[in-house]
Amino acid sequence: DILSEYEVDDAIRNLKNVESVDKYLELYALLKTTKGSEVQEKVVLIEATDLMHYYNYHSHSLFYQEGIGPEFVSAFPQVWLSYDFAKQNGLSVGDEIELYISLYDSYQKFVVTYLFQSQGVFANTAVNNIMTDLSAFGDRGLLTNVYVKMYDNEDVPDAISALRDCFPDDTVNVDYAIDYEHIESVVS
């Protein structure tokens, strides 16, 4: 389901003791690559977020492999890939890629700026995820996932209750991001 960033910001503004907020627009797309004269397409998951916030807050879980420095300028939005995914698809830092995005009903060009080891957010090799900045989608204010982290876990039930009041519609799932009871049952 698509959420309005304005409504999300308005709801979160009223919460107390918020440590961080991660906002995502997740879309499936087709990655088009060319090897020689052969064109290949692969389904990928685009995870658009505020890349600077993501890097500043989650840099401990990003394991840098190679990249282009911040002075790099391109006419196209940047994407981050896992090193393994890039190698499997013959991609390198600096390459321009084309992604078919249904939101635009066309292919859009992006440039590969960073490759990360297949750990952390890039650990799941079953999901071909590509990270880019929300601005790549023209700041349309569209979100699919929002993760709110509280400074104190004791504040989480009140935050969930307040957010459910703001989003009473059953199409918006407001709950714990991590189901500790389920994890405990699997691990035990």
N, C-alpha and C. Protein backbone atom coordinates (compact mmCIF):
# COMPACT_ATOMS: atom_id res chain seq x y z
N ASP A 1 0.84 -1.19 0.00
CA ASP A 1 0.00 0.00 0.00
C ASP A 1 0.88 1.25 0.00
N ILE A 2 0.38 2.26 -0.64
CA ILE A 2 1.11 3.52 -0.74
C ILE A 2 0.63 4.46 0.36
N LEU A 3 1.58 5.06 1.04
CA LEU A 3 1.30 6.03 2.10
C LEU A 3 1.71 7.42 1.64
N SER A 4 1.05 8.42 2.17
CA SER A 4 1.43 9.80 1.92
C SER A 4 2.50 10.20 2.93
N GLU A 5 3.64 10.69 2.44
CA GLU A 5 4.70 11.12 3.35
C GLU A 5 4.22 12.24 4.27
N TYR A 6 3.36 13.11 3.76
CA TYR A 6 2.82 14.19 4.57
C TYR A 6 2.04 13.63 5.76
N GLU A 7 1.16 12.64 5.51
CA GLU A 7 0.37 12.05 6.59
C GLU A 7 1.27 11.33 7.59
N VAL A 8 2.29 10.63 7.09
CA VAL A 8 3.22 9.93 7.96
C VAL A 8 3.97 10.93 8.85
N ASP A 9 4.50 11.99 8.25
CA ASP A 9 5.23 13.00 9.03
C ASP A 9 4.33 13.64 10.08
N ASP A 10 3.09 13.91 9.72
CA ASP A 10 2.14 14.51 10.65
C ASP A 10 1.88 13.58 11.84
N ALA A 11 1.74 12.29 11.57
CA ALA A 11 1.48 11.32 12.64
C ALA A 11 2.70 11.16 13.54
N ILE A 12 3.89 11.11 12.96
CA ILE A 12 5.12 10.90 13.73
C ILE A 12 5.47 12.13 14.55
N ARG A 13 5.13 13.30 14.06
CA ARG A 13 5.43 14.55 14.75
C ARG A 13 4.86 14.56 16.18
N ASN A 14 3.75 13.85 16.39
CA ASN A 14 3.10 13.84 17.70
C ASN A 14 3.65 12.77 18.65
N LEU A 15 4.57 11.94 18.17
CA LEU A 15 5.14 10.90 19.04
C LEU A 15 6.28 11.49 19.87
N LYS A 16 6.46 10.94 21.05
CA LYS A 16 7.53 11.38 21.94
C LYS A 16 8.66 10.35 21.93
N ASN A 17 9.87 10.83 22.07
CA ASN A 17 11.06 9.98 22.20
C ASN A 17 11.37 9.16 20.95
N VAL A 18 11.20 9.75 19.78
CA VAL A 18 11.54 9.07 18.53
C VAL A 18 13.04 9.23 18.29
N GLU A 19 13.73 8.09 18.13
CA GLU A 19 15.17 8.12 17.86
C GLU A 19 15.45 8.34 16.38
N SER A 20 14.74 7.60 15.52
CA SER A 20 14.95 7.74 14.07
C SER A 20 13.73 7.25 13.33
N VAL A 21 13.64 7.71 12.09
CA VAL A 21 12.56 7.29 11.20
C VAL A 21 13.20 6.96 9.85
N ASP A 22 12.96 5.75 9.37
CA ASP A 22 13.41 5.33 8.04
C ASP A 22 12.18 5.20 7.16
N LYS A 23 12.21 5.89 6.03
CA LYS A 23 11.08 5.89 5.10
C LYS A 23 11.54 5.27 3.78
N TYR A 24 10.67 4.43 3.21
CA TYR A 24 11.01 3.74 1.97
C TYR A 24 9.85 3.77 0.98
N LEU A 25 10.21 3.82 -0.26
CA LEU A 25 9.29 3.54 -1.35
C LEU A 25 9.88 2.32 -2.04
N GLU A 26 9.20 1.19 -1.91
CA GLU A 26 9.69 -0.05 -2.52
C GLU A 26 8.86 -0.35 -3.76
N LEU A 27 9.56 -0.56 -4.86
CA LEU A 27 8.92 -0.86 -6.14
C LEU A 27 9.67 -1.98 -6.83
N TYR A 28 8.93 -2.84 -7.51
CA TYR A 28 9.58 -3.83 -8.35
C TYR A 28 9.83 -3.20 -9.70
N ALA A 29 10.94 -3.55 -10.31
CA ALA A 29 11.31 -2.99 -11.60
C ALA A 29 12.01 -4.07 -12.41
N LEU A 30 12.24 -3.76 -13.68
CA LEU A 30 13.01 -4.65 -14.55
C LEU A 30 14.35 -3.98 -14.82
N LEU A 31 15.42 -4.69 -14.52
CA LEU A 31 16.76 -4.23 -14.83
C LEU A 31 17.13 -4.77 -16.20
N LYS A 32 17.51 -3.88 -17.11
CA LYS A 32 17.91 -4.29 -18.45
C LYS A 32 19.43 -4.18 -18.54
N THR A 33 20.09 -5.28 -18.86
CA THR A 33 21.54 -5.28 -19.06
C THR A 33 21.85 -5.85 -20.44
N THR A 34 23.00 -5.49 -20.95
CA THR A 34 23.43 -5.98 -22.26
C THR A 34 24.79 -6.64 -22.13
N LYS A 35 24.87 -7.87 -22.56
CA LYS A 35 26.15 -8.59 -22.62
C LYS A 35 26.40 -8.91 -24.08
N GLY A 36 27.34 -8.18 -24.67
CA GLY A 36 27.56 -8.32 -26.11
C GLY A 36 26.34 -7.82 -26.85
N SER A 37 25.75 -8.69 -27.64
CA SER A 37 24.53 -8.30 -28.36
C SER A 37 23.27 -8.83 -27.67
N GLU A 38 23.47 -9.53 -26.56
CA GLU A 38 22.35 -10.14 -25.85
C GLU A 38 21.82 -9.21 -24.76
N VAL A 39 20.51 -8.91 -24.82
CA VAL A 39 19.85 -8.08 -23.83
C VAL A 39 19.16 -9.00 -22.83
N GLN A 40 19.41 -8.75 -21.54
CA GLN A 40 18.78 -9.55 -20.48
C GLN A 40 17.98 -8.63 -19.58
N GLU A 41 16.87 -9.17 -19.05
CA GLU A 41 16.07 -8.42 -18.09
C GLU A 41 15.90 -9.28 -16.85
N LYS A 42 15.94 -8.61 -15.70
CA LYS A 42 15.83 -9.30 -14.41
C LYS A 42 14.94 -8.45 -13.50
N VAL A 43 14.06 -9.12 -12.76
CA VAL A 43 13.21 -8.41 -11.79
C VAL A 43 14.07 -8.03 -10.58
N VAL A 44 13.95 -6.77 -10.16
CA VAL A 44 14.70 -6.27 -9.01
C VAL A 44 13.74 -5.52 -8.09
N LEU A 45 14.14 -5.35 -6.86
CA LEU A 45 13.39 -4.56 -5.90
C LEU A 45 14.14 -3.25 -5.68
N ILE A 46 13.51 -2.15 -6.02
CA ILE A 46 14.11 -0.84 -5.75
C ILE A 46 13.67 -0.41 -4.36
N GLU A 47 14.64 -0.07 -3.54
CA GLU A 47 14.36 0.47 -2.21
C GLU A 47 14.84 1.91 -2.20
N ALA A 48 13.88 2.83 -2.41
CA ALA A 48 14.21 4.26 -2.42
C ALA A 48 14.04 4.80 -1.02
N THR A 49 15.06 5.51 -0.55
CA THR A 49 15.05 6.09 0.79
C THR A 49 15.92 7.33 0.77
N ASP A 50 16.02 8.00 1.87
CA ASP A 50 16.95 9.13 1.98
C ASP A 50 18.34 8.51 2.19
N LEU A 51 19.12 8.42 1.13
CA LEU A 51 20.41 7.71 1.20
C LEU A 51 21.37 8.32 2.21
N MET A 52 21.39 9.64 2.32
CA MET A 52 22.31 10.26 3.28
C MET A 52 21.92 9.90 4.71
N HIS A 53 20.62 9.95 5.02
CA HIS A 53 20.15 9.53 6.35
C HIS A 53 20.48 8.05 6.57
N TYR A 54 20.21 7.24 5.55
CA TYR A 54 20.47 5.81 5.67
C TYR A 54 21.94 5.55 5.96
N TYR A 55 22.80 6.20 5.19
CA TYR A 55 24.24 6.00 5.39
C TYR A 55 24.67 6.50 6.77
N ASN A 56 24.22 7.66 7.17
CA ASN A 56 24.62 8.22 8.47
C ASN A 56 24.13 7.37 9.63
N TYR A 57 22.95 6.80 9.50
CA TYR A 57 22.38 6.05 10.62
C TYR A 57 22.72 4.56 10.58
N HIS A 58 22.95 4.02 9.39
CA HIS A 58 23.16 2.57 9.26
C HIS A 58 24.54 2.20 8.71
N SER A 59 25.49 3.11 8.75
CA SER A 59 26.80 2.83 8.15
C SER A 59 27.47 1.62 8.79
N HIS A 60 27.14 1.31 10.04
CA HIS A 60 27.71 0.14 10.71
C HIS A 60 27.29 -1.18 10.06
N SER A 61 26.18 -1.16 9.28
CA SER A 61 25.73 -2.40 8.63
C SER A 61 26.00 -2.39 7.13
N LEU A 62 26.69 -1.37 6.64
CA LEU A 62 27.09 -1.32 5.24
C LEU A 62 28.57 -1.63 5.14
N PHE A 63 28.91 -2.62 4.38
CA PHE A 63 30.30 -3.04 4.25
C PHE A 63 30.79 -2.68 2.85
N TYR A 64 31.44 -1.54 2.78
CA TYR A 64 31.88 -0.92 1.54
C TYR A 64 32.84 -1.82 0.78
N GLN A 65 32.61 -1.96 -0.51
CA GLN A 65 33.50 -2.71 -1.39
C GLN A 65 34.24 -1.75 -2.31
N GLU A 66 33.48 -0.94 -3.06
CA GLU A 66 34.09 0.08 -3.92
C GLU A 66 33.04 1.11 -4.29
N GLY A 67 33.52 2.30 -4.68
CA GLY A 67 32.56 3.34 -5.04
C GLY A 67 33.23 4.57 -5.61
N ILE A 68 32.38 5.50 -6.00
CA ILE A 68 32.82 6.78 -6.54
C ILE A 68 32.64 7.81 -5.43
N GLY A 69 33.58 8.69 -5.27
CA GLY A 69 33.51 9.70 -4.21
C GLY A 69 32.36 10.67 -4.38
N PRO A 70 32.11 11.47 -3.33
CA PRO A 70 30.98 12.40 -3.35
C PRO A 70 31.11 13.50 -4.41
N GLU A 71 32.31 13.70 -4.95
CA GLU A 71 32.49 14.73 -5.98
C GLU A 71 31.95 14.29 -7.34
N PHE A 72 31.59 13.00 -7.48
CA PHE A 72 31.07 12.48 -8.74
C PHE A 72 29.73 13.15 -9.07
N VAL A 73 29.58 13.60 -10.29
CA VAL A 73 28.35 14.26 -10.74
C VAL A 73 27.80 13.48 -11.93
N SER A 74 26.51 13.22 -11.92
CA SER A 74 25.86 12.51 -13.02
C SER A 74 24.49 13.14 -13.27
N ALA A 75 24.05 13.02 -14.49
CA ALA A 75 22.70 13.49 -14.83
C ALA A 75 21.64 12.51 -14.35
N PHE A 76 22.08 11.33 -13.88
CA PHE A 76 21.14 10.29 -13.49
C PHE A 76 21.23 10.02 -11.99
N PRO A 77 20.13 9.57 -11.38
CA PRO A 77 20.17 9.23 -9.96
C PRO A 77 21.13 8.08 -9.69
N GLN A 78 21.72 8.09 -8.50
CA GLN A 78 22.66 7.03 -8.13
C GLN A 78 21.95 5.81 -7.56
N VAL A 79 22.58 4.65 -7.73
CA VAL A 79 22.09 3.42 -7.12
C VAL A 79 23.24 2.73 -6.40
N TRP A 80 22.89 2.03 -5.35
CA TRP A 80 23.83 1.20 -4.60
C TRP A 80 23.44 -0.25 -4.84
N LEU A 81 24.44 -1.10 -5.05
CA LEU A 81 24.20 -2.53 -5.30
C LEU A 81 25.09 -3.37 -4.41
N SER A 82 24.73 -4.64 -4.28
CA SER A 82 25.67 -5.56 -3.63
C SER A 82 26.74 -5.91 -4.66
N TYR A 83 27.94 -6.14 -4.19
CA TYR A 83 29.06 -6.49 -5.06
C TYR A 83 28.75 -7.75 -5.85
N ASP A 84 28.19 -8.77 -5.17
CA ASP A 84 27.89 -10.04 -5.84
C ASP A 84 26.84 -9.85 -6.95
N PHE A 85 25.79 -9.08 -6.68
CA PHE A 85 24.75 -8.82 -7.68
C PHE A 85 25.35 -8.09 -8.87
N ALA A 86 26.20 -7.11 -8.60
CA ALA A 86 26.84 -6.35 -9.69
C ALA A 86 27.67 -7.28 -10.57
N LYS A 87 28.48 -8.13 -9.95
CA LYS A 87 29.35 -9.03 -10.73
C LYS A 87 28.53 -10.04 -11.53
N GLN A 88 27.45 -10.57 -10.93
CA GLN A 88 26.59 -11.52 -11.64
C GLN A 88 25.97 -10.90 -12.89
N ASN A 89 25.79 -9.59 -12.86
CA ASN A 89 25.13 -8.91 -13.97
C ASN A 89 26.09 -8.06 -14.80
N GLY A 90 27.39 -8.26 -14.59
CA GLY A 90 28.39 -7.55 -15.38
C GLY A 90 28.40 -6.05 -15.16
N LEU A 91 28.06 -5.62 -13.93
CA LEU A 91 27.98 -4.19 -13.63
C LEU A 91 29.16 -3.74 -12.78
N SER A 92 29.58 -2.51 -12.99
CA SER A 92 30.69 -1.92 -12.24
C SER A 92 30.30 -0.52 -11.80
N VAL A 93 31.07 0.01 -10.87
CA VAL A 93 30.88 1.38 -10.44
C VAL A 93 31.05 2.30 -11.64
N GLY A 94 30.15 3.26 -11.78
CA GLY A 94 30.19 4.19 -12.91
C GLY A 94 29.30 3.79 -14.08
N ASP A 95 28.85 2.52 -14.10
CA ASP A 95 27.98 2.06 -15.19
C ASP A 95 26.61 2.72 -15.10
N GLU A 96 26.05 3.02 -16.26
CA GLU A 96 24.67 3.48 -16.33
C GLU A 96 23.80 2.24 -16.55
N ILE A 97 22.69 2.18 -15.81
CA ILE A 97 21.77 1.05 -15.95
C ILE A 97 20.39 1.60 -16.30
N GLU A 98 19.56 0.73 -16.87
CA GLU A 98 18.19 1.10 -17.18
C GLU A 98 17.25 0.23 -16.37
N LEU A 99 16.28 0.87 -15.73
CA LEU A 99 15.27 0.18 -14.95
C LEU A 99 13.89 0.55 -15.48
N TYR A 100 13.09 -0.47 -15.78
CA TYR A 100 11.70 -0.20 -16.17
C TYR A 100 10.91 0.00 -14.88
N ILE A 101 10.33 1.18 -14.75
CA ILE A 101 9.59 1.54 -13.55
C ILE A 101 8.14 1.79 -13.94
N SER A 102 7.23 0.98 -13.40
CA SER A 102 5.83 1.08 -13.79
C SER A 102 5.21 2.42 -13.40
N LEU A 103 5.72 3.07 -12.38
CA LEU A 103 5.24 4.39 -11.97
C LEU A 103 5.34 5.37 -13.13
N TYR A 104 6.37 5.22 -13.96
CA TYR A 104 6.58 6.07 -15.12
C TYR A 104 6.17 5.38 -16.43
N ASP A 105 5.93 4.07 -16.37
CA ASP A 105 5.62 3.27 -17.54
C ASP A 105 6.71 3.41 -18.61
N SER A 106 7.96 3.44 -18.13
CA SER A 106 9.09 3.56 -19.06
C SER A 106 10.38 3.16 -18.35
N TYR A 107 11.42 3.03 -19.15
CA TYR A 107 12.75 2.80 -18.60
C TYR A 107 13.33 4.13 -18.14
N GLN A 108 14.02 4.12 -17.01
CA GLN A 108 14.71 5.29 -16.47
C GLN A 108 16.18 4.91 -16.29
N LYS A 109 17.06 5.87 -16.52
CA LYS A 109 18.50 5.62 -16.35
C LYS A 109 18.95 5.99 -14.95
N PHE A 110 19.88 5.16 -14.43
CA PHE A 110 20.51 5.37 -13.14
C PHE A 110 22.00 5.11 -13.32
N VAL A 111 22.82 5.52 -12.36
CA VAL A 111 24.25 5.25 -12.41
C VAL A 111 24.67 4.52 -11.13
N VAL A 112 25.47 3.47 -11.28
CA VAL A 112 25.97 2.70 -10.14
C VAL A 112 27.09 3.50 -9.48
N THR A 113 26.90 3.88 -8.21
CA THR A 113 27.93 4.68 -7.52
C THR A 113 28.64 3.93 -6.40
N TYR A 114 27.97 2.94 -5.81
CA TYR A 114 28.61 2.20 -4.72
C TYR A 114 28.26 0.73 -4.80
N LEU A 115 29.23 -0.10 -4.46
CA LEU A 115 29.03 -1.54 -4.32
C LEU A 115 29.37 -1.90 -2.88
N PHE A 116 28.51 -2.71 -2.28
CA PHE A 116 28.71 -3.13 -0.90
C PHE A 116 28.79 -4.65 -0.84
N GLN A 117 29.52 -5.15 0.15
CA GLN A 117 29.60 -6.59 0.35
C GLN A 117 28.20 -7.12 0.62
N SER A 118 27.98 -8.37 0.31
CA SER A 118 26.66 -8.99 0.46
C SER A 118 26.39 -9.33 1.92
N GLN A 119 26.30 -8.30 2.72
CA GLN A 119 26.00 -8.41 4.15
C GLN A 119 25.01 -7.31 4.49
N GLY A 120 24.44 -7.39 5.70
CA GLY A 120 23.49 -6.36 6.12
C GLY A 120 22.31 -6.30 5.17
N VAL A 121 21.96 -5.11 4.71
CA VAL A 121 20.80 -4.93 3.83
C VAL A 121 20.97 -5.69 2.52
N PHE A 122 22.20 -5.97 2.12
CA PHE A 122 22.46 -6.67 0.87
C PHE A 122 22.71 -8.17 1.07
N ALA A 123 22.42 -8.70 2.25
CA ALA A 123 22.74 -10.10 2.57
C ALA A 123 21.82 -11.10 1.87
N ASN A 124 20.57 -10.74 1.65
CA ASN A 124 19.61 -11.68 1.09
C ASN A 124 19.79 -11.77 -0.43
N THR A 125 20.46 -12.80 -0.87
CA THR A 125 20.74 -12.94 -2.30
C THR A 125 19.50 -13.40 -3.08
N ALA A 126 18.42 -13.79 -2.38
CA ALA A 126 17.18 -14.15 -3.07
C ALA A 126 16.44 -12.91 -3.56
N VAL A 127 16.77 -11.75 -2.96
CA VAL A 127 16.15 -10.50 -3.36
C VAL A 127 17.21 -9.66 -4.05
N ASN A 128 16.96 -9.30 -5.30
CA ASN A 128 17.90 -8.46 -6.05
C ASN A 128 17.57 -7.00 -5.75
N ASN A 129 18.07 -6.51 -4.60
CA ASN A 129 17.69 -5.16 -4.22
C ASN A 129 18.69 -4.12 -4.70
N ILE A 130 18.11 -3.00 -5.11
CA ILE A 130 18.84 -1.84 -5.58
C ILE A 130 18.40 -0.67 -4.72
N MET A 131 19.34 0.01 -4.09
CA MET A 131 18.98 1.16 -3.27
C MET A 131 19.23 2.44 -4.06
N THR A 132 18.29 3.37 -3.94
CA THR A 132 18.44 4.68 -4.55
C THR A 132 17.79 5.71 -3.64
N ASP A 133 17.93 6.97 -3.97
CA ASP A 133 17.37 8.02 -3.15
C ASP A 133 15.92 8.30 -3.54
N LEU A 134 15.12 8.69 -2.56
CA LEU A 134 13.72 9.02 -2.84
C LEU A 134 13.61 10.11 -3.91
N SER A 135 14.58 10.99 -3.98
CA SER A 135 14.54 12.08 -4.95
C SER A 135 14.56 11.56 -6.40
N ALA A 136 14.97 10.30 -6.59
CA ALA A 136 14.96 9.71 -7.93
C ALA A 136 13.53 9.59 -8.47
N PHE A 137 12.56 9.67 -7.57
CA PHE A 137 11.16 9.57 -7.96
C PHE A 137 10.45 10.91 -7.87
N GLY A 138 11.23 11.99 -7.94
CA GLY A 138 10.66 13.33 -8.05
C GLY A 138 9.96 13.84 -6.81
N ASP A 139 10.35 13.35 -5.64
CA ASP A 139 9.73 13.81 -4.40
C ASP A 139 8.21 13.84 -4.49
N ARG A 140 7.66 12.74 -4.90
CA ARG A 140 6.20 12.64 -5.03
C ARG A 140 5.52 12.43 -3.68
N GLY A 141 6.30 12.20 -2.62
CA GLY A 141 5.71 12.02 -1.30
C GLY A 141 5.04 10.67 -1.12
N LEU A 142 5.50 9.67 -1.87
CA LEU A 142 4.92 8.34 -1.79
C LEU A 142 5.84 7.42 -0.99
N LEU A 143 5.25 6.66 -0.09
CA LEU A 143 6.01 5.71 0.74
C LEU A 143 5.26 4.39 0.80
N THR A 144 6.02 3.31 0.99
CA THR A 144 5.39 2.01 1.20
C THR A 144 5.70 1.46 2.59
N ASN A 145 6.86 1.81 3.15
CA ASN A 145 7.26 1.33 4.47
C ASN A 145 7.87 2.46 5.27
N VAL A 146 7.52 2.49 6.56
CA VAL A 146 8.10 3.47 7.47
C VAL A 146 8.45 2.72 8.76
N TYR A 147 9.69 2.90 9.21
CA TYR A 147 10.15 2.26 10.43
C TYR A 147 10.52 3.35 11.43
N VAL A 148 9.84 3.33 12.58
CA VAL A 148 10.07 4.32 13.62
C VAL A 148 10.78 3.62 14.77
N LYS A 149 11.93 4.14 15.14
CA LYS A 149 12.68 3.57 16.27
C LYS A 149 12.58 4.54 17.44
N MET A 150 12.20 4.00 18.58
CA MET A 150 12.07 4.81 19.79
C MET A 150 13.35 4.70 20.62
N TYR A 151 13.64 5.74 21.38
CA TYR A 151 14.80 5.69 22.27
C TYR A 151 14.63 4.63 23.33
N ASP A 152 13.40 4.46 23.81
CA ASP A 152 13.14 3.51 24.89
C ASP A 152 12.06 2.54 24.42
N ASN A 153 12.34 1.24 24.53
CA ASN A 153 11.37 0.23 24.10
C ASN A 153 10.05 0.32 24.86
N GLU A 154 10.07 0.90 26.05
CA GLU A 154 8.83 1.05 26.82
C GLU A 154 7.86 2.01 26.14
N ASP A 155 8.36 2.87 25.25
CA ASP A 155 7.50 3.82 24.54
C ASP A 155 6.84 3.22 23.30
N VAL A 156 7.27 2.04 22.90
CA VAL A 156 6.77 1.44 21.66
C VAL A 156 5.27 1.16 21.69
N PRO A 157 4.71 0.55 22.74
CA PRO A 157 3.25 0.30 22.73
C PRO A 157 2.43 1.57 22.58
N ASP A 158 2.82 2.65 23.24
CA ASP A 158 2.09 3.92 23.11
C ASP A 158 2.23 4.48 21.71
N ALA A 159 3.41 4.35 21.12
CA ALA A 159 3.63 4.84 19.75
C ALA A 159 2.77 4.04 18.76
N ILE A 160 2.72 2.72 18.93
CA ILE A 160 1.89 1.89 18.05
C ILE A 160 0.42 2.28 18.18
N SER A 161 -0.03 2.48 19.40
CA SER A 161 -1.42 2.87 19.62
C SER A 161 -1.72 4.22 18.96
N ALA A 162 -0.83 5.19 19.13
CA ALA A 162 -1.03 6.52 18.54
C ALA A 162 -1.03 6.44 17.00
N LEU A 163 -0.14 5.64 16.44
CA LEU A 163 -0.10 5.51 14.98
C LEU A 163 -1.32 4.77 14.44
N ARG A 164 -1.81 3.79 15.18
CA ARG A 164 -3.03 3.09 14.75
C ARG A 164 -4.22 4.05 14.76
N ASP A 165 -4.23 4.98 15.71
CA ASP A 165 -5.30 5.99 15.73
C ASP A 165 -5.21 6.89 14.50
N CYS A 166 -3.99 7.18 14.05
CA CYS A 166 -3.80 8.02 12.86
C CYS A 166 -4.10 7.27 11.57
N PHE A 167 -3.90 5.96 11.59
CA PHE A 167 -4.12 5.12 10.40
C PHE A 167 -5.06 3.97 10.76
N PRO A 168 -6.34 4.26 11.01
CA PRO A 168 -7.26 3.21 11.45
C PRO A 168 -7.61 2.22 10.34
N ASP A 169 -7.32 2.56 9.11
CA ASP A 169 -7.60 1.70 7.97
C ASP A 169 -6.78 0.41 8.07
N ASP A 170 -7.39 -0.71 7.85
CA ASP A 170 -6.70 -2.00 7.95
C ASP A 170 -5.64 -2.20 6.87
N THR A 171 -5.63 -1.34 5.85
CA THR A 171 -4.63 -1.51 4.79
C THR A 171 -3.25 -1.05 5.24
N VAL A 172 -3.17 -0.30 6.34
CA VAL A 172 -1.88 0.15 6.87
C VAL A 172 -1.56 -0.70 8.08
N ASN A 173 -0.46 -1.45 8.00
CA ASN A 173 -0.04 -2.32 9.09
C ASN A 173 0.85 -1.54 10.05
N VAL A 174 0.35 -1.28 11.24
CA VAL A 174 1.13 -0.59 12.27
C VAL A 174 1.41 -1.62 13.35
N ASP A 175 2.68 -2.02 13.46
CA ASP A 175 3.04 -3.05 14.42
C ASP A 175 4.53 -3.03 14.66
N TYR A 176 5.00 -3.93 15.52
CA TYR A 176 6.42 -4.08 15.76
C TYR A 176 7.11 -4.51 14.46
N ALA A 177 8.25 -3.93 14.15
CA ALA A 177 9.00 -4.32 12.96
C ALA A 177 9.65 -5.68 13.17
N ILE A 178 10.01 -5.96 14.41
CA ILE A 178 10.65 -7.23 14.75
C ILE A 178 9.74 -7.98 15.71
N ASP A 179 9.37 -9.18 15.34
CA ASP A 179 8.51 -10.02 16.18
C ASP A 179 9.42 -10.88 17.06
N TYR A 180 9.73 -10.36 18.24
CA TYR A 180 10.65 -11.05 19.14
C TYR A 180 10.12 -12.40 19.61
N GLU A 181 8.79 -12.52 19.79
CA GLU A 181 8.21 -13.80 20.19
C GLU A 181 8.43 -14.86 19.10
N HIS A 182 8.25 -14.46 17.84
CA HIS A 182 8.47 -15.40 16.74
C HIS A 182 9.94 -15.81 16.67
N ILE A 183 10.83 -14.86 16.80
CA ILE A 183 12.26 -15.17 16.78
C ILE A 183 12.61 -16.13 17.91
N GLU A 184 12.10 -15.87 19.09
CA GLU A 184 12.35 -16.74 20.25
C GLU A 184 11.84 -18.14 20.00
N SER A 185 10.65 -18.26 19.35
CA SER A 185 10.11 -19.59 19.09
C SER A 185 10.93 -20.35 18.06
N VAL A 186 11.54 -19.64 17.12
CA VAL A 186 12.37 -20.28 16.11
C VAL A 186 13.71 -20.69 16.69
N VAL A 187 14.28 -19.83 17.51
CA VAL A 187 15.61 -20.07 18.06
C VAL A 187 15.58 -21.12 19.16
N SER A 188 14.49 -21.18 19.90
CA SER A 188 14.41 -22.12 21.04
C SER A 188 14.23 -23.55 20.60
